[in-house]
Amino acid sequence: MRCLRQRERGFTLLELLLVLVIFIALASLVGTRTNTYYLYKQKALLRNLLAHISFIHSQAAYDGAF
């Protein structure tokens, strides 16, 4: 005898929670890497600026502009 009730299709609560946990984990990794990249760019900018200031200072000292 066949089952009169058809099986309902959809996702279980466990499957939805698992996908949500994976999504949050990936989002947190992207967030920390983005923040690290931003700090790296800021440090590189400051190093570049310091090199330019040092060059301008030495050039002014060489030219006797002080």
N, C-alpha and C. Protein backbone atom coordinates (compact mmCIF):
# COMPACT_ATOMS: atom_id res chain seq x y z
N MET A 1 0.83 -1.17 0.00
CA MET A 1 0.00 0.00 0.00
C MET A 1 0.89 1.25 0.00
N ARG A 2 0.55 2.19 -0.79
CA ARG A 2 1.35 3.41 -0.93
C ARG A 2 0.98 4.41 0.14
N CYS A 3 1.95 5.18 0.48
CA CYS A 3 1.72 6.24 1.47
C CYS A 3 0.87 7.32 0.82
N LEU A 4 -0.21 7.68 1.46
CA LEU A 4 -1.13 8.66 0.88
C LEU A 4 -0.57 10.08 0.96
N ARG A 5 0.24 10.31 1.92
CA ARG A 5 0.79 11.66 2.10
C ARG A 5 2.12 11.78 1.37
N GLN A 6 2.25 12.78 0.52
CA GLN A 6 3.51 12.98 -0.19
C GLN A 6 4.51 13.65 0.74
N ARG A 7 5.74 13.37 0.49
CA ARG A 7 6.80 13.95 1.30
C ARG A 7 6.95 15.42 0.95
N GLU A 8 6.99 16.26 1.97
CA GLU A 8 7.15 17.70 1.74
C GLU A 8 8.62 17.99 1.45
N ARG A 9 8.82 18.90 0.53
CA ARG A 9 10.18 19.26 0.16
C ARG A 9 10.56 20.55 0.86
N GLY A 10 11.83 20.68 1.17
CA GLY A 10 12.33 21.88 1.82
C GLY A 10 13.57 21.56 2.62
N PHE A 11 14.04 22.53 3.34
CA PHE A 11 15.24 22.38 4.14
C PHE A 11 14.87 22.20 5.60
N THR A 12 15.68 21.42 6.29
CA THR A 12 15.46 21.26 7.72
C THR A 12 16.10 22.43 8.45
N LEU A 13 15.74 22.59 9.69
CA LEU A 13 16.30 23.66 10.50
C LEU A 13 17.80 23.48 10.67
N LEU A 14 18.24 22.25 10.81
CA LEU A 14 19.67 21.96 10.96
C LEU A 14 20.44 22.38 9.72
N GLU A 15 19.92 22.11 8.55
CA GLU A 15 20.59 22.51 7.31
C GLU A 15 20.67 24.02 7.20
N LEU A 16 19.61 24.71 7.55
CA LEU A 16 19.62 26.17 7.49
C LEU A 16 20.62 26.76 8.47
N LEU A 17 20.68 26.20 9.69
CA LEU A 17 21.64 26.69 10.68
C LEU A 17 23.07 26.43 10.25
N LEU A 18 23.32 25.29 9.64
CA LEU A 18 24.66 24.97 9.16
C LEU A 18 25.11 25.95 8.09
N VAL A 19 24.24 26.26 7.16
CA VAL A 19 24.57 27.24 6.11
C VAL A 19 24.81 28.61 6.72
N LEU A 20 24.02 28.97 7.71
CA LEU A 20 24.19 30.26 8.38
C LEU A 20 25.53 30.34 9.10
N VAL A 21 25.92 29.27 9.78
CA VAL A 21 27.21 29.24 10.48
C VAL A 21 28.36 29.36 9.49
N ILE A 22 28.29 28.66 8.38
CA ILE A 22 29.34 28.74 7.36
C ILE A 22 29.41 30.15 6.78
N PHE A 23 28.27 30.75 6.52
CA PHE A 23 28.23 32.10 5.97
C PHE A 23 28.85 33.10 6.94
N ILE A 24 28.54 32.99 8.22
CA ILE A 24 29.09 33.91 9.22
C ILE A 24 30.60 33.71 9.35
N ALA A 25 31.06 32.47 9.30
CA ALA A 25 32.50 32.20 9.38
C ALA A 25 33.23 32.82 8.19
N LEU A 26 32.70 32.66 7.00
CA LEU A 26 33.33 33.25 5.82
C LEU A 26 33.30 34.77 5.87
N ALA A 27 32.21 35.33 6.33
CA ALA A 27 32.12 36.79 6.43
C ALA A 27 33.11 37.34 7.44
N SER A 28 33.33 36.63 8.52
CA SER A 28 34.29 37.11 9.52
C SER A 28 35.72 37.03 8.97
N LEU A 29 36.01 36.00 8.18
CA LEU A 29 37.34 35.92 7.57
C LEU A 29 37.57 37.06 6.60
N VAL A 30 36.58 37.35 5.79
CA VAL A 30 36.71 38.45 4.82
C VAL A 30 36.85 39.77 5.56
N GLY A 31 36.10 39.95 6.62
CA GLY A 31 36.17 41.19 7.38
C GLY A 31 37.53 41.42 8.00
N THR A 32 38.14 40.38 8.57
CA THR A 32 39.45 40.56 9.19
C THR A 32 40.53 40.76 8.13
N ARG A 33 40.40 40.08 7.02
CA ARG A 33 41.40 40.27 5.96
C ARG A 33 41.29 41.67 5.35
N THR A 34 40.10 42.17 5.22
CA THR A 34 39.93 43.52 4.70
C THR A 34 40.53 44.54 5.64
N ASN A 35 40.32 44.36 6.93
CA ASN A 35 40.89 45.27 7.92
C ASN A 35 42.41 45.19 7.91
N THR A 36 42.97 43.99 7.80
CA THR A 36 44.42 43.82 7.74
C THR A 36 44.98 44.47 6.49
N TYR A 37 44.30 44.32 5.38
CA TYR A 37 44.75 44.94 4.13
C TYR A 37 44.73 46.46 4.25
N TYR A 38 43.70 47.00 4.88
CA TYR A 38 43.60 48.44 5.07
C TYR A 38 44.76 48.95 5.92
N LEU A 39 45.09 48.25 7.00
CA LEU A 39 46.21 48.65 7.85
C LEU A 39 47.53 48.55 7.09
N TYR A 40 47.69 47.51 6.28
CA TYR A 40 48.90 47.36 5.48
C TYR A 40 49.06 48.53 4.52
N LYS A 41 47.96 48.93 3.87
CA LYS A 41 48.02 50.06 2.94
C LYS A 41 48.35 51.35 3.67
N GLN A 42 47.81 51.54 4.88
CA GLN A 42 48.10 52.74 5.66
C GLN A 42 49.58 52.79 6.03
N LYS A 43 50.14 51.67 6.45
CA LYS A 43 51.56 51.63 6.82
C LYS A 43 52.43 51.90 5.60
N ALA A 44 52.07 51.35 4.45
CA ALA A 44 52.83 51.59 3.23
C ALA A 44 52.78 53.06 2.84
N LEU A 45 51.62 53.67 2.99
CA LEU A 45 51.48 55.09 2.68
C LEU A 45 52.35 55.94 3.60
N LEU A 46 52.37 55.60 4.89
CA LEU A 46 53.19 56.35 5.84
C LEU A 46 54.68 56.16 5.56
N ARG A 47 55.10 54.95 5.20
CA ARG A 47 56.51 54.73 4.86
C ARG A 47 56.89 55.54 3.63
N ASN A 48 56.02 55.59 2.64
CA ASN A 48 56.27 56.35 1.42
C ASN A 48 56.36 57.84 1.73
N LEU A 49 55.44 58.33 2.56
CA LEU A 49 55.45 59.73 2.95
C LEU A 49 56.73 60.08 3.71
N LEU A 50 57.15 59.21 4.62
CA LEU A 50 58.37 59.45 5.37
C LEU A 50 59.59 59.48 4.45
N ALA A 51 59.62 58.62 3.44
CA ALA A 51 60.73 58.62 2.49
C ALA A 51 60.76 59.92 1.70
N HIS A 52 59.59 60.44 1.31
CA HIS A 52 59.55 61.71 0.59
C HIS A 52 60.00 62.86 1.47
N ILE A 53 59.56 62.89 2.71
CA ILE A 53 59.96 63.96 3.63
C ILE A 53 61.46 63.91 3.86
N SER A 54 62.00 62.72 4.03
CA SER A 54 63.44 62.57 4.23
C SER A 54 64.21 63.06 3.00
N PHE A 55 63.72 62.73 1.81
CA PHE A 55 64.38 63.17 0.59
C PHE A 55 64.34 64.69 0.46
N ILE A 56 63.18 65.28 0.72
CA ILE A 56 63.05 66.74 0.62
C ILE A 56 63.95 67.42 1.64
N HIS A 57 64.04 66.87 2.84
CA HIS A 57 64.90 67.45 3.87
C HIS A 57 66.37 67.39 3.45
N SER A 58 66.80 66.23 2.96
CA SER A 58 68.20 66.11 2.55
C SER A 58 68.49 66.99 1.33
N GLN A 59 67.55 67.12 0.43
CA GLN A 59 67.73 67.98 -0.74
C GLN A 59 67.84 69.44 -0.32
N ALA A 60 67.02 69.86 0.63
CA ALA A 60 67.07 71.24 1.12
C ALA A 60 68.39 71.50 1.84
N ALA A 61 68.86 70.52 2.59
CA ALA A 61 70.14 70.68 3.29
C ALA A 61 71.28 70.76 2.28
N TYR A 62 71.21 69.98 1.23
CA TYR A 62 72.24 70.00 0.19
C TYR A 62 72.25 71.34 -0.55
N ASP A 63 71.07 71.88 -0.83
CA ASP A 63 70.96 73.15 -1.54
C ASP A 63 71.23 74.34 -0.63
N GLY A 64 71.32 74.13 0.66
CA GLY A 64 71.54 75.22 1.60
C GLY A 64 70.30 76.07 1.81
N ALA A 65 69.15 75.49 1.71
CA ALA A 65 67.91 76.24 1.83
C ALA A 65 67.54 76.52 3.28
N PHE A 66 68.25 75.94 4.22
CA PHE A 66 67.92 76.18 5.63
C PHE A 66 68.53 77.47 6.10
